[in-house]
């Protein structure tokens, strides 16, 4: 059984993102497991040399001992420095106790305007319109003058019940959110059981205006974030405004909605360009 544990450790290290695991629970349990494994193997007493090469060129080398065994080494190579094909990453270690763990990641960014919507269990739409418009009268806008406000309408479609949902809507870099209080509470396509209750028009009106489908909203410098503990299958809207502050052409990252504890269940809108012009 112990022969399998190094592979388990390797898998745990590979599944990290930006130094952490997907959720707070996964991070806590992974750290507990790795600490127990280090105590069992005595890896904190490692002593060996190492070298890392890319296409024959040395990236880093050094010696590991008890004074630095807990320190990581981060190396970065720009994509432009890689060969068109056939790149070779070679990592070696010398003799001595302890294990050398490493991960290698290739990260590529697409032009934001080329990013298309994606549905992996959640459907997300984002619309920029003139402030105050409602329903079908809203026309999509892709520019504004400095000082103008733009209304953002987010639509989240949950084909199935979702739990602990996080919605992140990045702002154009030349804009700032100004009025989260415009958040709507309307529910467009509620769960069938609740929809039947809503047949009473008076109840429906009260329900639409006073039931917030999200449990918390945050207005940050670079994005607006929504949190919902539970979303029954249905369609939900959230509306807020931002003000154009700096002229320029901005690439706006897609809106993303995902389950916090199951991030593989997610959806995103498309990327877009937005221009802020001088008044």
C-alpha atoms as a PDB file:
ATOM      1  CA  UNK A   1       0.000   0.000   0.000  1.00  0.00           C
ATOM      2  CA  UNK A   2       2.862   2.407   0.793  1.00  0.00           C
ATOM      3  CA  UNK A   3       4.036   2.061  -2.819  1.00  0.00           C
ATOM      4  CA  UNK A   4       0.835   3.826  -3.922  1.00  0.00           C
ATOM      5  CA  UNK A   5       1.182   6.785  -1.573  1.00  0.00           C
ATOM      6  CA  UNK A   6       3.904   8.650  -3.549  1.00  0.00           C
ATOM      7  CA  UNK A   7       1.577   8.659  -6.549  1.00  0.00           C
ATOM      8  CA  UNK A   8      -1.233   9.977  -4.340  1.00  0.00           C
ATOM      9  CA  UNK A   9       1.066  12.751  -3.118  1.00  0.00           C
ATOM     10  CA  UNK A  10       2.049  13.563  -6.686  1.00  0.00           C
ATOM     11  CA  UNK A  11      -1.616  13.764  -7.704  1.00  0.00           C
ATOM     12  CA  UNK A  12      -2.422  16.066  -4.796  1.00  0.00           C
ATOM     13  CA  UNK A  13       0.360  18.421  -5.799  1.00  0.00           C
ATOM     14  CA  UNK A  14      -0.653  18.444  -9.472  1.00  0.00           C
ATOM     15  CA  UNK A  15      -4.288  19.289  -8.692  1.00  0.00           C
ATOM     16  CA  UNK A  16      -3.374  22.534  -6.932  1.00  0.00           C
ATOM     17  CA  UNK A  17      -4.225  25.823  -8.594  1.00  0.00           C
ATOM     18  CA  UNK A  18      -2.167  28.854  -7.667  1.00  0.00           C
ATOM     19  CA  UNK A  19      -0.828  26.957  -4.652  1.00  0.00           C
ATOM     20  CA  UNK A  20      -4.201  25.908  -3.242  1.00  0.00           C
ATOM     21  CA  UNK A  21      -6.793  23.263  -3.933  1.00  0.00           C
ATOM     22  CA  UNK A  22     -10.307  23.798  -5.310  1.00  0.00           C
ATOM     23  CA  UNK A  23     -12.091  24.432  -1.997  1.00  0.00           C
ATOM     24  CA  UNK A  24     -11.300  25.271   1.610  1.00  0.00           C
ATOM     25  CA  UNK A  25     -12.229  21.735   2.672  1.00  0.00           C
ATOM     26  CA  UNK A  26      -9.998  20.133   0.035  1.00  0.00           C
ATOM     27  CA  UNK A  27      -7.120  22.395   1.031  1.00  0.00           C
ATOM     28  CA  UNK A  28      -7.461  21.518   4.721  1.00  0.00           C
ATOM     29  CA  UNK A  29      -7.622  17.758   4.142  1.00  0.00           C
ATOM     30  CA  UNK A  30      -4.775  17.814   1.619  1.00  0.00           C
ATOM     31  CA  UNK A  31      -2.494  19.669   4.039  1.00  0.00           C
ATOM     32  CA  UNK A  32      -3.332  17.242   6.850  1.00  0.00           C
ATOM     33  CA  UNK A  33      -2.556  14.257   4.610  1.00  0.00           C
ATOM     34  CA  UNK A  34       0.708  15.741   3.308  1.00  0.00           C
ATOM     35  CA  UNK A  35       1.872  16.645   6.825  1.00  0.00           C
ATOM     36  CA  UNK A  36       1.242  13.082   8.034  1.00  0.00           C
ATOM     37  CA  UNK A  37       3.142  11.706   5.033  1.00  0.00           C
ATOM     38  CA  UNK A  38       6.147  13.947   5.632  1.00  0.00           C
ATOM     39  CA  UNK A  39       6.279  12.851   9.263  1.00  0.00           C
ATOM     40  CA  UNK A  40       6.084   9.196   8.205  1.00  0.00           C
ATOM     41  CA  UNK A  41       8.826   9.370   5.565  1.00  0.00           C
ATOM     42  CA  UNK A  42      11.183  11.819   7.254  1.00  0.00           C
ATOM     43  CA  UNK A  43      11.246  13.975   4.122  1.00  0.00           C
ATOM     44  CA  UNK A  44      12.056  17.082   6.156  1.00  0.00           C
ATOM     45  CA  UNK A  45      15.565  15.645   6.474  1.00  0.00           C
ATOM     46  CA  UNK A  46      16.099  15.523   2.702  1.00  0.00           C
ATOM     47  CA  UNK A  47      19.627  15.970   1.345  1.00  0.00           C
ATOM     48  CA  UNK A  48      20.284  15.882  -2.410  1.00  0.00           C
ATOM     49  CA  UNK A  49      21.240  17.991  -5.442  1.00  0.00           C
ATOM     50  CA  UNK A  50      18.852  18.854  -8.266  1.00  0.00           C
ATOM     51  CA  UNK A  51      18.900  20.420 -11.730  1.00  0.00           C
ATOM     52  CA  UNK A  52      16.159  21.498 -14.148  1.00  0.00           C
ATOM     53  CA  UNK A  53      16.762  21.941 -17.899  1.00  0.00           C
ATOM     54  CA  UNK A  54      14.542  23.007 -20.779  1.00  0.00           C
ATOM     55  CA  UNK A  55      15.630  21.979 -24.266  1.00  0.00           C
ATOM     56  CA  UNK A  56      19.144  21.439 -22.913  1.00  0.00           C
ATOM     57  CA  UNK A  57      19.437  24.864 -21.256  1.00  0.00           C
ATOM     58  CA  UNK A  58      19.718  24.926 -17.465  1.00  0.00           C
ATOM     59  CA  UNK A  59      16.831  26.687 -15.747  1.00  0.00           C
ATOM     60  CA  UNK A  60      17.885  26.088 -12.135  1.00  0.00           C
ATOM     61  CA  UNK A  61      20.076  23.931  -9.939  1.00  0.00           C
ATOM     62  CA  UNK A  62      20.851  23.679  -6.265  1.00  0.00           C
ATOM     63  CA  UNK A  63      21.124  21.592  -3.133  1.00  0.00           C
ATOM     64  CA  UNK A  64      18.316  20.606  -0.781  1.00  0.00           C
ATOM     65  CA  UNK A  65      19.025  20.155   2.930  1.00  0.00           C
ATOM     66  CA  UNK A  66      17.250  20.574   6.255  1.00  0.00           C
ATOM     67  CA  UNK A  67      17.599  24.374   6.065  1.00  0.00           C
ATOM     68  CA  UNK A  68      15.656  24.821   2.815  1.00  0.00           C
ATOM     69  CA  UNK A  69      13.671  21.613   2.285  1.00  0.00           C
ATOM     70  CA  UNK A  70      10.454  23.535   3.050  1.00  0.00           C
ATOM     71  CA  UNK A  71      11.151  26.190   0.392  1.00  0.00           C
ATOM     72  CA  UNK A  72       9.807  25.880  -3.137  1.00  0.00           C
ATOM     73  CA  UNK A  73      11.491  27.026  -6.327  1.00  0.00           C
ATOM     74  CA  UNK A  74       9.320  28.680  -8.971  1.00  0.00           C
ATOM     75  CA  UNK A  75      10.532  28.933 -12.552  1.00  0.00           C
ATOM     76  CA  UNK A  76       8.793  30.743 -15.403  1.00  0.00           C
ATOM     77  CA  UNK A  77       9.388  30.571 -19.130  1.00  0.00           C
ATOM     78  CA  UNK A  78       7.445  32.752 -21.568  1.00  0.00           C
ATOM     79  CA  UNK A  79       5.537  30.913 -24.277  1.00  0.00           C
ATOM     80  CA  UNK A  80       7.459  32.942 -26.863  1.00  0.00           C
ATOM     81  CA  UNK A  81      10.670  31.220 -25.720  1.00  0.00           C
ATOM     82  CA  UNK A  82       9.307  27.724 -26.356  1.00  0.00           C
ATOM     83  CA  UNK A  83       9.865  25.801 -29.549  1.00  0.00           C
ATOM     84  CA  UNK A  84       6.960  25.377 -31.950  1.00  0.00           C
ATOM     85  CA  UNK A  85       6.941  21.681 -31.090  1.00  0.00           C
ATOM     86  CA  UNK A  86       9.044  19.086 -29.311  1.00  0.00           C
ATOM     87  CA  UNK A  87       9.958  20.949 -26.103  1.00  0.00           C
ATOM     88  CA  UNK A  88      11.829  18.800 -23.552  1.00  0.00           C
ATOM     89  CA  UNK A  89      11.709  19.503 -19.812  1.00  0.00           C
ATOM     90  CA  UNK A  90      14.318  17.496 -17.873  1.00  0.00           C
ATOM     91  CA  UNK A  91      14.338  17.492 -14.040  1.00  0.00           C
ATOM     92  CA  UNK A  92      16.894  15.366 -12.197  1.00  0.00           C
ATOM     93  CA  UNK A  93      18.051  14.838  -8.618  1.00  0.00           C
ATOM     94  CA  UNK A  94      21.193  13.331  -7.150  1.00  0.00           C
ATOM     95  CA  UNK A  95      21.653  10.650  -4.532  1.00  0.00           C
ATOM     96  CA  UNK A  96      20.493  11.119  -0.943  1.00  0.00           C
ATOM     97  CA  UNK A  97      17.407  10.873   1.270  1.00  0.00           C
ATOM     98  CA  UNK A  98      14.173  12.704   0.533  1.00  0.00           C
ATOM     99  CA  UNK A  99      11.933  13.143  -2.511  1.00  0.00           C
ATOM    100  CA  UNK A 100      11.889  15.868  -5.138  1.00  0.00           C
ATOM    101  CA  UNK A 101       8.355  16.913  -6.107  1.00  0.00           C
ATOM    102  CA  UNK A 102       7.632  19.124  -9.086  1.00  0.00           C
ATOM    103  CA  UNK A 103       4.746  20.231 -11.286  1.00  0.00           C
ATOM    104  CA  UNK A 104       4.791  21.741 -14.768  1.00  0.00           C
ATOM    105  CA  UNK A 105       1.964  23.856 -16.172  1.00  0.00           C
ATOM    106  CA  UNK A 106       1.361  25.375 -19.576  1.00  0.00           C
ATOM    107  CA  UNK A 107      -0.891  28.425 -19.411  1.00  0.00           C
ATOM    108  CA  UNK A 108      -2.185  30.050 -22.586  1.00  0.00           C
ATOM    109  CA  UNK A 109      -4.546  33.028 -22.784  1.00  0.00           C
ATOM    110  CA  UNK A 110      -6.894  33.514 -25.725  1.00  0.00           C
ATOM    111  CA  UNK A 111      -7.876  36.981 -26.962  1.00  0.00           C
ATOM    112  CA  UNK A 112     -10.953  37.744 -24.875  1.00  0.00           C
ATOM    113  CA  UNK A 113     -13.063  38.532 -27.954  1.00  0.00           C
ATOM    114  CA  UNK A 114     -12.504  34.958 -29.167  1.00  0.00           C
ATOM    115  CA  UNK A 115     -13.907  33.362 -25.985  1.00  0.00           C
ATOM    116  CA  UNK A 116     -17.357  31.869 -26.563  1.00  0.00           C
ATOM    117  CA  UNK A 117     -20.041  30.977 -23.981  1.00  0.00           C
ATOM    118  CA  UNK A 118     -19.655  27.588 -22.316  1.00  0.00           C
ATOM    119  CA  UNK A 119     -22.208  25.440 -20.489  1.00  0.00           C
ATOM    120  CA  UNK A 120     -20.921  22.815 -18.069  1.00  0.00           C
ATOM    121  CA  UNK A 121     -24.017  22.622 -15.898  1.00  0.00           C
ATOM    122  CA  UNK A 122     -24.790  26.370 -15.686  1.00  0.00           C
ATOM    123  CA  UNK A 123     -25.849  28.757 -18.463  1.00  0.00           C
ATOM    124  CA  UNK A 124     -24.713  32.388 -18.158  1.00  0.00           C
ATOM    125  CA  UNK A 125     -25.711  35.454 -20.191  1.00  0.00           C
ATOM    126  CA  UNK A 126     -24.458  39.025 -19.804  1.00  0.00           C
ATOM    127  CA  UNK A 127     -25.979  42.093 -21.456  1.00  0.00           C
ATOM    128  CA  UNK A 128     -24.831  45.733 -21.431  1.00  0.00           C
ATOM    129  CA  UNK A 129     -27.683  48.195 -21.993  1.00  0.00           C
ATOM    130  CA  UNK A 130     -28.693  51.798 -21.414  1.00  0.00           C
ATOM    131  CA  UNK A 131     -29.588  52.407 -17.738  1.00  0.00           C
ATOM    132  CA  UNK A 132     -33.216  52.017 -16.746  1.00  0.00           C
ATOM    133  CA  UNK A 133     -34.390  49.971 -19.716  1.00  0.00           C
ATOM    134  CA  UNK A 134     -36.593  46.953 -19.093  1.00  0.00           C
ATOM    135  CA  UNK A 135     -37.238  43.756 -21.019  1.00  0.00           C
ATOM    136  CA  UNK A 136     -37.271  43.680 -24.807  1.00  0.00           C
ATOM    137  CA  UNK A 137     -36.730  47.438 -25.100  1.00  0.00           C
ATOM    138  CA  UNK A 138     -33.107  47.008 -23.988  1.00  0.00           C
ATOM    139  CA  UNK A 139     -30.587  47.367 -26.798  1.00  0.00           C
ATOM    140  CA  UNK A 140     -27.046  46.032 -26.404  1.00  0.00           C
ATOM    141  CA  UNK A 141     -24.358  48.732 -26.098  1.00  0.00           C
ATOM    142  CA  UNK A 142     -20.620  48.299 -26.612  1.00  0.00           C
ATOM    143  CA  UNK A 143     -19.413  51.809 -25.782  1.00  0.00           C
ATOM    144  CA  UNK A 144     -20.065  54.746 -23.482  1.00  0.00           C
ATOM    145  CA  UNK A 145     -18.672  58.216 -22.853  1.00  0.00           C
ATOM    146  CA  UNK A 146     -16.665  59.038 -19.739  1.00  0.00           C
ATOM    147  CA  UNK A 147     -19.146  59.673 -16.922  1.00  0.00           C
ATOM    148  CA  UNK A 148     -21.976  57.658 -18.488  1.00  0.00           C
ATOM    149  CA  UNK A 149     -23.532  54.732 -16.684  1.00  0.00           C
ATOM    150  CA  UNK A 150     -24.229  51.333 -18.233  1.00  0.00           C
ATOM    151  CA  UNK A 151     -26.729  48.782 -16.993  1.00  0.00           C
ATOM    152  CA  UNK A 152     -25.487  45.207 -16.672  1.00  0.00           C
ATOM    153  CA  UNK A 153     -28.018  42.393 -16.739  1.00  0.00           C
ATOM    154  CA  UNK A 154     -26.787  38.952 -15.691  1.00  0.00           C
ATOM    155  CA  UNK A 155     -28.967  35.921 -16.414  1.00  0.00           C
ATOM    156  CA  UNK A 156     -28.173  32.615 -14.725  1.00  0.00           C
ATOM    157  CA  UNK A 157     -29.946  29.461 -15.907  1.00  0.00           C
ATOM    158  CA  UNK A 158     -29.764  26.445 -13.600  1.00  0.00           C
ATOM    159  CA  UNK A 159     -30.906  23.326 -15.503  1.00  0.00           C
ATOM    160  CA  UNK A 160     -30.741  21.444 -12.187  1.00  0.00           C
ATOM    161  CA  UNK A 161     -30.663  22.406  -8.527  1.00  0.00           C
ATOM    162  CA  UNK A 162     -27.331  24.000  -7.604  1.00  0.00           C
ATOM    163  CA  UNK A 163     -25.632  24.430  -4.246  1.00  0.00           C
ATOM    164  CA  UNK A 164     -23.201  27.096  -3.040  1.00  0.00           C
ATOM    165  CA  UNK A 165     -23.005  29.010  -6.302  1.00  0.00           C
ATOM    166  CA  UNK A 166     -20.515  31.829  -6.924  1.00  0.00           C
ATOM    167  CA  UNK A 167     -21.088  34.286  -9.785  1.00  0.00           C
ATOM    168  CA  UNK A 168     -18.213  36.582 -10.762  1.00  0.00           C
ATOM    169  CA  UNK A 169     -18.751  39.364 -13.283  1.00  0.00           C
ATOM    170  CA  UNK A 170     -15.520  41.231 -14.166  1.00  0.00           C
ATOM    171  CA  UNK A 171     -15.832  44.920 -14.940  1.00  0.00           C
ATOM    172  CA  UNK A 172     -14.199  46.720 -17.856  1.00  0.00           C
ATOM    173  CA  UNK A 173     -10.875  48.085 -16.592  1.00  0.00           C
ATOM    174  CA  UNK A 174     -12.034  51.627 -17.377  1.00  0.00           C
ATOM    175  CA  UNK A 175     -15.217  51.386 -15.281  1.00  0.00           C
ATOM    176  CA  UNK A 176     -16.381  51.006 -11.700  1.00  0.00           C
ATOM    177  CA  UNK A 177     -19.590  49.551 -10.253  1.00  0.00           C
ATOM    178  CA  UNK A 178     -21.742  52.277  -8.697  1.00  0.00           C
ATOM    179  CA  UNK A 179     -25.127  50.861  -7.773  1.00  0.00           C
ATOM    180  CA  UNK A 180     -25.500  47.282  -6.628  1.00  0.00           C
ATOM    181  CA  UNK A 181     -28.837  48.225  -5.055  1.00  0.00           C
ATOM    182  CA  UNK A 182     -30.410  47.815  -8.502  1.00  0.00           C
ATOM    183  CA  UNK A 183     -30.114  44.058  -8.061  1.00  0.00           C
ATOM    184  CA  UNK A 184     -33.357  42.484  -9.215  1.00  0.00           C
ATOM    185  CA  UNK A 185     -35.164  39.739  -7.358  1.00  0.00           C
ATOM    186  CA  UNK A 186     -37.279  38.531 -10.255  1.00  0.00           C
ATOM    187  CA  UNK A 187     -37.334  34.848 -10.982  1.00  0.00           C
ATOM    188  CA  UNK A 188     -38.061  34.178 -14.644  1.00  0.00           C
ATOM    189  CA  UNK A 189     -38.587  30.468 -14.677  1.00  0.00           C
ATOM    190  CA  UNK A 190     -38.984  29.115 -11.170  1.00  0.00           C
ATOM    191  CA  UNK A 191     -39.027  25.517 -10.038  1.00  0.00           C
ATOM    192  CA  UNK A 192     -42.398  23.961 -11.064  1.00  0.00           C
ATOM    193  CA  UNK A 193     -43.630  23.597  -7.467  1.00  0.00           C
ATOM    194  CA  UNK A 194     -43.027  27.278  -6.733  1.00  0.00           C
ATOM    195  CA  UNK A 195     -44.372  28.320 -10.117  1.00  0.00           C
ATOM    196  CA  UNK A 196     -47.705  26.676  -9.276  1.00  0.00           C
ATOM    197  CA  UNK A 197     -47.851  28.660  -6.054  1.00  0.00           C
ATOM    198  CA  UNK A 198     -47.152  31.824  -8.039  1.00  0.00           C
ATOM    199  CA  UNK A 199     -50.437  31.498  -9.924  1.00  0.00           C
ATOM    200  CA  UNK A 200     -51.858  33.853  -7.349  1.00  0.00           C
ATOM    201  CA  UNK A 201     -50.904  37.189  -8.926  1.00  0.00           C
ATOM    202  CA  UNK A 202     -50.675  39.061  -5.632  1.00  0.00           C
ATOM    203  CA  UNK A 203     -48.379  36.397  -4.165  1.00  0.00           C
ATOM    204  CA  UNK A 204     -46.318  36.399  -7.354  1.00  0.00           C
ATOM    205  CA  UNK A 205     -45.789  40.148  -7.201  1.00  0.00           C
ATOM    206  CA  UNK A 206     -44.637  40.002  -3.581  1.00  0.00           C
ATOM    207  CA  UNK A 207     -42.449  37.002  -4.293  1.00  0.00           C
ATOM    208  CA  UNK A 208     -40.758  38.566  -7.297  1.00  0.00           C
ATOM    209  CA  UNK A 209     -39.817  41.732  -5.496  1.00  0.00           C
ATOM    210  CA  UNK A 210     -38.858  40.487  -2.027  1.00  0.00           C
ATOM    211  CA  UNK A 211     -37.151  37.134  -2.503  1.00  0.00           C
ATOM    212  CA  UNK A 212     -33.448  37.461  -3.225  1.00  0.00           C
ATOM    213  CA  UNK A 213     -32.120  34.385  -4.982  1.00  0.00           C
ATOM    214  CA  UNK A 214     -28.586  35.241  -3.850  1.00  0.00           C
ATOM    215  CA  UNK A 215     -27.516  35.253  -0.213  1.00  0.00           C
ATOM    216  CA  UNK A 216     -24.781  37.890  -0.531  1.00  0.00           C
ATOM    217  CA  UNK A 217     -23.401  40.347  -3.084  1.00  0.00           C
ATOM    218  CA  UNK A 218     -20.056  42.144  -3.118  1.00  0.00           C
ATOM    219  CA  UNK A 219     -18.983  45.152  -5.154  1.00  0.00           C
ATOM    220  CA  UNK A 220     -15.224  44.997  -5.651  1.00  0.00           C
ATOM    221  CA  UNK A 221     -12.833  47.201  -7.598  1.00  0.00           C
ATOM    222  CA  UNK A 222     -12.510  44.783 -10.500  1.00  0.00           C
ATOM    223  CA  UNK A 223     -15.738  42.740 -10.387  1.00  0.00           C
ATOM    224  CA  UNK A 224     -19.153  42.143  -8.847  1.00  0.00           C
ATOM    225  CA  UNK A 225     -19.542  38.843  -6.996  1.00  0.00           C
ATOM    226  CA  UNK A 226     -22.741  37.031  -5.990  1.00  0.00           C
ATOM    227  CA  UNK A 227     -23.120  34.097  -3.608  1.00  0.00           C
ATOM    228  CA  UNK A 228     -26.132  31.771  -3.453  1.00  0.00           C
ATOM    229  CA  UNK A 229     -26.358  28.896  -0.959  1.00  0.00           C
ATOM    230  CA  UNK A 230     -29.038  27.123  -2.980  1.00  0.00           C
ATOM    231  CA  UNK A 231     -30.546  27.668  -6.429  1.00  0.00           C
ATOM    232  CA  UNK A 232     -33.525  25.512  -7.412  1.00  0.00           C
ATOM    233  CA  UNK A 233     -33.654  24.710 -11.115  1.00  0.00           C
ATOM    234  CA  UNK A 234     -34.786  27.895 -12.866  1.00  0.00           C
ATOM    235  CA  UNK A 235     -33.703  31.175 -14.427  1.00  0.00           C
ATOM    236  CA  UNK A 236     -32.441  34.108 -12.369  1.00  0.00           C
ATOM    237  CA  UNK A 237     -31.534  37.730 -13.055  1.00  0.00           C
ATOM    238  CA  UNK A 238     -29.290  40.277 -11.390  1.00  0.00           C
ATOM    239  CA  UNK A 239     -28.949  43.859 -12.563  1.00  0.00           C
ATOM    240  CA  UNK A 240     -26.511  46.579 -11.550  1.00  0.00           C
ATOM    241  CA  UNK A 241     -24.827  49.597 -13.151  1.00  0.00           C
ATOM    242  CA  UNK A 242     -21.268  50.720 -13.694  1.00  0.00           C
ATOM    243  CA  UNK A 243     -19.840  54.134 -14.591  1.00  0.00           C
ATOM    244  CA  UNK A 244     -17.309  54.656 -17.380  1.00  0.00           C
ATOM    245  CA  UNK A 245     -14.288  56.401 -15.863  1.00  0.00           C
ATOM    246  CA  UNK A 246     -11.283  56.143 -18.203  1.00  0.00           C
ATOM    247  CA  UNK A 247     -11.247  56.375 -22.016  1.00  0.00           C
ATOM    248  CA  UNK A 248      -9.906  53.433 -23.984  1.00  0.00           C
ATOM    249  CA  UNK A 249     -10.811  50.069 -25.509  1.00  0.00           C
ATOM    250  CA  UNK A 250     -11.133  47.308 -22.924  1.00  0.00           C
ATOM    251  CA  UNK A 251     -11.295  43.526 -23.160  1.00  0.00           C
ATOM    252  CA  UNK A 252     -13.866  42.289 -20.673  1.00  0.00           C
ATOM    253  CA  UNK A 253     -13.366  38.820 -19.171  1.00  0.00           C
ATOM    254  CA  UNK A 254     -16.471  36.543 -19.313  1.00  0.00           C
ATOM    255  CA  UNK A 255     -18.899  36.222 -16.445  1.00  0.00           C
ATOM    256  CA  UNK A 256     -18.447  32.869 -14.684  1.00  0.00           C
ATOM    257  CA  UNK A 257     -20.878  30.985 -12.416  1.00  0.00           C
ATOM    258  CA  UNK A 258     -19.838  27.788 -10.637  1.00  0.00           C
ATOM    259  CA  UNK A 259     -20.547  25.596  -7.647  1.00  0.00           C
ATOM    260  CA  UNK A 260     -17.927  26.424  -5.023  1.00  0.00           C
ATOM    261  CA  UNK A 261     -17.449  22.841  -3.831  1.00  0.00           C
ATOM    262  CA  UNK A 262     -17.845  21.292  -7.288  1.00  0.00           C
ATOM    263  CA  UNK A 263     -16.131  23.825  -9.603  1.00  0.00           C
ATOM    264  CA  UNK A 264     -16.370  21.433 -12.531  1.00  0.00           C
ATOM    265  CA  UNK A 265     -20.062  22.448 -12.585  1.00  0.00           C
ATOM    266  CA  UNK A 266     -19.825  25.901 -14.148  1.00  0.00           C
ATOM    267  CA  UNK A 267     -20.790  28.135 -17.030  1.00  0.00           C
ATOM    268  CA  UNK A 268     -19.498  31.333 -18.592  1.00  0.00           C
ATOM    269  CA  UNK A 269     -20.661  34.087 -20.885  1.00  0.00           C
ATOM    270  CA  UNK A 270     -18.682  35.229 -23.908  1.00  0.00           C
ATOM    271  CA  UNK A 271     -15.818  37.685 -23.751  1.00  0.00           C
ATOM    272  CA  UNK A 272     -16.360  41.128 -25.210  1.00  0.00           C
ATOM    273  CA  UNK A 273     -14.809  44.447 -26.152  1.00  0.00           C
ATOM    274  CA  UNK A 274     -16.053  47.663 -24.559  1.00  0.00           C
ATOM    275  CA  UNK A 275     -14.950  51.158 -25.520  1.00  0.00           C
ATOM    276  CA  UNK A 276     -15.012  54.241 -23.320  1.00  0.00           C
ATOM    277  CA  UNK A 277     -14.749  57.458 -25.355  1.00  0.00           C
ATOM    278  CA  UNK A 278     -13.935  61.007 -24.329  1.00  0.00           C
ATOM    279  CA  UNK A 279     -16.978  63.119 -23.675  1.00  0.00           C
END
